[in-house]
Amino acid sequence: MRFLRRSSAEQTATTESDAETGQAAAEHAANHNHTPKKGKPTPKRRDAEGKRRGPVPPPPKNQREAIKRSRGNKDERRQAARERRERMMQGDDRYLMPRDKGPVRAYVRDLVDTRRHLMGLFMPLVLIVFATTLAQNLVVQQYATLACMALLVMMVVEGTLLGRYVNKRVRAKYPDHKDRPLSLGWYAFTRAMQIRKLRVPRPRYTPKDIAKIG
């Protein structure tokens, strides 16, 4: 009887120990799989970027300070615009218009800038013709109109010859270029029509530097 009682007590103790061990293991597994909360919501992207950029400047205290800040921003924008304009005038591809980008277009501009063209007189002649219309003199108007028509004919002839010359030089220097001959000819024609000082980008060569163009 004592042996049976002792065995029952030992079995009860073993069962209680196993239960405690199983409960502890379950609690450990639950703690291991449980992800603790952050304690605060995830910050918004705008707030995170604001923290990275630094503190937001305080609002202006008065109207004079607000005007001063706005002038400072305008001066910065104007300075940036002047820098972009100067880079574009120098022929930097990063600041040029799409039609002016690339070594082929730069070479065409150099070919045009190293030659003298009668087409450059078109704009001044248009202004002269417009001035003659204000004079109300039929004889002067007729001569000005004839001169303008003669210049238009010469422009067509000279533009055709210039287009052929440019395409021939471009094919020799850049045989693998993909620009169409008509596109290059028109590009050279429109640049030759402009007054030299108004050309964009600024000419890199003069007619005296024709030997420097390869």
Protein backbone atom coordinates (compact mmCIF):
# COMPACT_ATOMS: atom_id res chain seq x y z
CA MET A 1 0.00 0.00 0.00
CA ARG A 2 2.82 2.44 0.83
CA PHE A 3 4.52 1.56 -2.42
CA LEU A 4 1.35 2.32 -4.33
CA ARG A 5 0.81 5.62 -2.48
CA ARG A 6 4.40 6.72 -3.09
CA SER A 7 4.12 5.80 -6.74
CA SER A 8 0.89 7.79 -7.10
CA ALA A 9 2.42 10.85 -5.45
CA GLU A 10 5.49 10.66 -7.62
CA GLN A 11 3.30 10.33 -10.72
CA THR A 12 1.27 13.37 -9.67
CA ALA A 13 4.43 15.40 -9.15
CA THR A 14 5.76 14.32 -12.53
CA THR A 15 2.51 15.28 -14.22
CA GLU A 16 2.53 18.71 -12.59
CA SER A 17 6.20 19.22 -13.61
CA ASP A 18 5.41 18.28 -17.21
CA ALA A 19 2.47 20.64 -17.24
CA GLU A 20 4.60 23.50 -15.95
CA THR A 21 7.32 22.71 -18.49
CA GLY A 22 4.76 22.66 -21.34
CA GLN A 23 3.24 25.95 -20.23
CA ALA A 24 6.67 27.58 -20.04
CA ALA A 25 7.52 26.30 -23.52
CA ALA A 26 4.24 27.63 -24.89
CA GLU A 27 4.84 31.04 -23.33
CA HIS A 28 8.39 31.12 -24.76
CA ALA A 29 7.11 30.26 -28.25
CA ALA A 30 4.41 32.91 -28.02
CA ASN A 31 6.94 35.52 -26.94
CA HIS A 32 9.30 34.47 -29.71
CA ASN A 33 6.66 34.75 -32.47
CA HIS A 34 5.12 37.95 -31.15
CA THR A 35 6.37 41.18 -32.71
CA PRO A 36 6.36 44.03 -30.23
CA LYS A 37 4.53 47.19 -31.25
CA LYS A 38 6.53 50.29 -32.20
CA GLY A 39 4.69 52.43 -29.74
CA LYS A 40 4.14 55.18 -32.36
CA PRO A 41 2.76 55.33 -35.92
CA THR A 42 5.05 55.22 -38.95
CA PRO A 43 6.00 58.78 -39.96
CA LYS A 44 4.71 60.08 -43.28
CA ARG A 45 7.07 60.54 -46.19
CA ARG A 46 6.67 64.30 -46.12
CA ASP A 47 7.65 64.45 -42.45
CA ALA A 48 10.62 62.11 -43.00
CA GLU A 49 11.90 64.21 -45.90
CA GLY A 50 11.46 67.34 -43.84
CA LYS A 51 13.60 65.88 -41.06
CA ARG A 52 16.31 64.93 -43.53
CA ARG A 53 16.36 68.38 -45.12
CA GLY A 54 16.57 70.11 -41.79
CA PRO A 55 14.26 72.31 -39.80
CA VAL A 56 11.71 74.42 -41.62
CA PRO A 57 12.58 78.12 -41.43
CA PRO A 58 10.23 80.14 -39.26
CA PRO A 59 7.60 82.27 -40.97
CA PRO A 60 8.47 85.92 -41.63
CA LYS A 61 7.82 88.21 -38.70
CA ASN A 62 6.68 91.15 -40.79
CA GLN A 63 6.01 92.23 -44.37
CA ARG A 64 9.51 93.62 -44.87
CA GLU A 65 11.09 90.27 -44.03
CA ALA A 66 8.65 88.48 -46.38
CA ILE A 67 9.56 90.84 -49.23
CA LYS A 68 13.24 90.30 -48.53
CA ARG A 69 12.85 86.53 -48.70
CA SER A 70 10.88 86.68 -51.94
CA ARG A 71 13.52 88.92 -53.50
CA GLY A 72 16.21 86.47 -52.45
CA ASN A 73 14.37 83.60 -54.13
CA LYS A 74 13.86 85.65 -57.29
CA ASP A 75 17.54 86.56 -57.39
CA GLU A 76 18.50 82.90 -57.11
CA ARG A 77 16.12 81.94 -59.93
CA ARG A 78 17.41 84.74 -62.12
CA GLN A 79 21.01 83.73 -61.46
CA ALA A 80 20.20 80.11 -62.35
CA ALA A 81 18.44 81.25 -65.53
CA ARG A 82 21.45 83.38 -66.51
CA GLU A 83 23.77 80.43 -65.96
CA ARG A 84 21.58 78.15 -68.09
CA ARG A 85 21.43 80.80 -70.81
CA GLU A 86 25.21 81.19 -70.83
CA ARG A 87 25.75 77.43 -70.98
CA MET A 88 23.31 77.24 -73.89
CA MET A 89 25.08 80.05 -75.71
CA GLN A 90 28.38 78.21 -75.27
CA GLY A 91 26.95 75.11 -76.93
CA ASP A 92 26.68 72.81 -73.91
CA ASP A 93 24.56 69.82 -74.99
CA ARG A 94 22.91 69.58 -71.56
CA TYR A 95 21.26 72.98 -72.02
CA LEU A 96 20.56 73.01 -75.76
CA MET A 97 17.22 72.44 -77.42
CA PRO A 98 16.71 68.95 -78.90
CA ARG A 99 17.17 70.21 -82.48
CA ASP A 100 20.62 71.64 -81.62
CA LYS A 101 22.04 68.64 -79.73
CA GLY A 102 24.69 66.29 -81.01
CA PRO A 103 28.08 66.55 -82.72
CA VAL A 104 26.52 66.53 -86.21
CA ARG A 105 24.42 69.64 -85.52
CA ALA A 106 27.42 71.35 -83.92
CA TYR A 107 29.47 70.62 -87.05
CA VAL A 108 26.72 72.04 -89.28
CA ARG A 109 26.68 75.21 -87.19
CA ASP A 110 30.44 75.55 -87.56
CA LEU A 111 30.20 75.12 -91.33
CA VAL A 112 27.56 77.83 -91.54
CA ASP A 113 29.41 80.21 -89.23
CA THR A 114 32.65 80.04 -91.25
CA ARG A 115 30.92 81.30 -94.42
CA ARG A 116 29.36 84.62 -95.40
CA HIS A 117 25.77 84.43 -96.63
CA LEU A 118 23.48 86.85 -98.46
CA MET A 119 20.59 85.25 -96.58
CA GLY A 120 21.70 87.12 -93.48
CA LEU A 121 20.47 90.34 -95.15
CA PHE A 122 16.88 89.13 -95.30
CA MET A 123 15.75 90.41 -91.91
CA PRO A 124 17.28 93.89 -92.33
CA LEU A 125 15.73 94.12 -95.80
CA VAL A 126 12.31 93.21 -94.41
CA LEU A 127 12.62 96.07 -91.94
CA ILE A 128 13.56 98.44 -94.77
CA VAL A 129 10.57 97.33 -96.83
CA PHE A 130 8.30 97.86 -93.85
CA ALA A 131 9.73 101.37 -93.37
CA THR A 132 9.13 102.21 -97.02
CA THR A 133 5.45 101.36 -96.65
CA LEU A 134 5.20 104.19 -94.13
CA ALA A 135 6.78 106.67 -96.55
CA GLN A 136 3.78 106.50 -98.90
CA ASN A 137 6.03 106.85 -101.92
CA LEU A 138 5.04 104.45 -104.71
CA VAL A 139 8.43 104.60 -106.46
CA VAL A 140 10.35 103.76 -103.28
CA GLN A 141 7.89 100.99 -102.45
CA GLN A 142 8.27 99.44 -105.89
CA TYR A 143 12.09 99.42 -105.71
CA ALA A 144 12.01 97.98 -102.21
CA THR A 145 9.60 95.26 -103.29
CA LEU A 146 11.78 94.36 -106.29
CA ALA A 147 14.84 94.20 -104.07
CA CYS A 148 13.03 91.93 -101.64
CA MET A 149 11.89 89.60 -104.45
CA ALA A 150 15.42 89.44 -105.87
CA LEU A 151 16.81 88.58 -102.47
CA LEU A 152 14.21 85.83 -102.04
CA VAL A 153 15.32 84.25 -105.31
CA MET A 154 18.97 84.45 -104.26
CA MET A 155 18.07 82.92 -100.90
CA VAL A 156 16.50 79.90 -102.60
CA VAL A 157 19.55 79.39 -104.80
CA GLU A 158 22.03 79.95 -102.00
CA GLY A 159 20.07 77.76 -99.59
CA THR A 160 20.09 74.89 -102.07
CA LEU A 161 23.83 75.17 -102.60
CA LEU A 162 24.43 75.46 -98.86
CA GLY A 163 22.36 72.34 -98.16
CA ARG A 164 24.38 70.31 -100.66
CA TYR A 165 27.66 71.61 -99.27
CA VAL A 166 26.70 70.82 -95.67
CA ASN A 167 25.46 67.31 -96.45
CA LYS A 168 28.60 66.51 -98.41
CA ARG A 169 30.86 67.61 -95.54
CA VAL A 170 28.76 65.81 -92.94
CA ARG A 171 28.81 62.54 -94.90
CA ALA A 172 32.59 62.75 -95.14
CA LYS A 173 33.09 63.42 -91.42
CA TYR A 174 30.19 61.39 -89.96
CA PRO A 175 29.39 58.58 -92.43
CA ASP A 176 27.21 56.75 -89.91
CA HIS A 177 24.96 59.68 -88.99
CA LYS A 178 21.19 59.15 -89.18
CA ASP A 179 20.03 62.72 -89.91
CA ARG A 180 18.10 63.18 -93.13
CA PRO A 181 19.74 65.37 -95.80
CA LEU A 182 16.66 67.61 -95.99
CA SER A 183 16.69 68.10 -92.22
CA LEU A 184 20.37 69.08 -92.17
CA GLY A 185 19.90 71.39 -95.15
CA TRP A 186 16.97 73.16 -93.52
CA TYR A 187 18.89 73.47 -90.25
CA ALA A 188 21.79 75.13 -92.06
CA PHE A 189 19.39 77.36 -94.03
CA THR A 190 17.59 78.69 -90.93
CA ARG A 191 20.87 79.40 -89.15
CA ALA A 192 22.33 81.22 -92.14
CA MET A 193 19.24 83.45 -92.27
CA GLN A 194 19.82 84.72 -88.74
CA ILE A 195 21.97 87.71 -87.96
CA ARG A 196 25.33 86.49 -86.68
CA LYS A 197 25.02 88.17 -83.28
CA LEU A 198 21.58 86.62 -82.70
CA ARG A 199 22.54 83.03 -83.45
CA VAL A 200 21.99 80.46 -80.69
CA PRO A 201 24.32 78.88 -79.71
CA ARG A 202 26.95 81.56 -80.13
CA PRO A 203 29.24 81.01 -83.17
CA ARG A 204 32.55 79.42 -82.24
CA TYR A 205 34.31 80.34 -85.48
CA THR A 206 34.48 83.27 -87.88
CA PRO A 207 34.97 83.21 -91.68
CA LYS A 208 38.68 83.69 -91.01
CA ASP A 209 38.76 80.32 -89.19
CA ILE A 210 37.51 78.25 -92.12
CA ALA A 211 40.80 76.34 -92.24
CA LYS A 212 40.22 75.10 -88.66
CA ILE A 213 37.08 73.16 -89.62
CA GLY A 214 37.91 69.55 -90.42
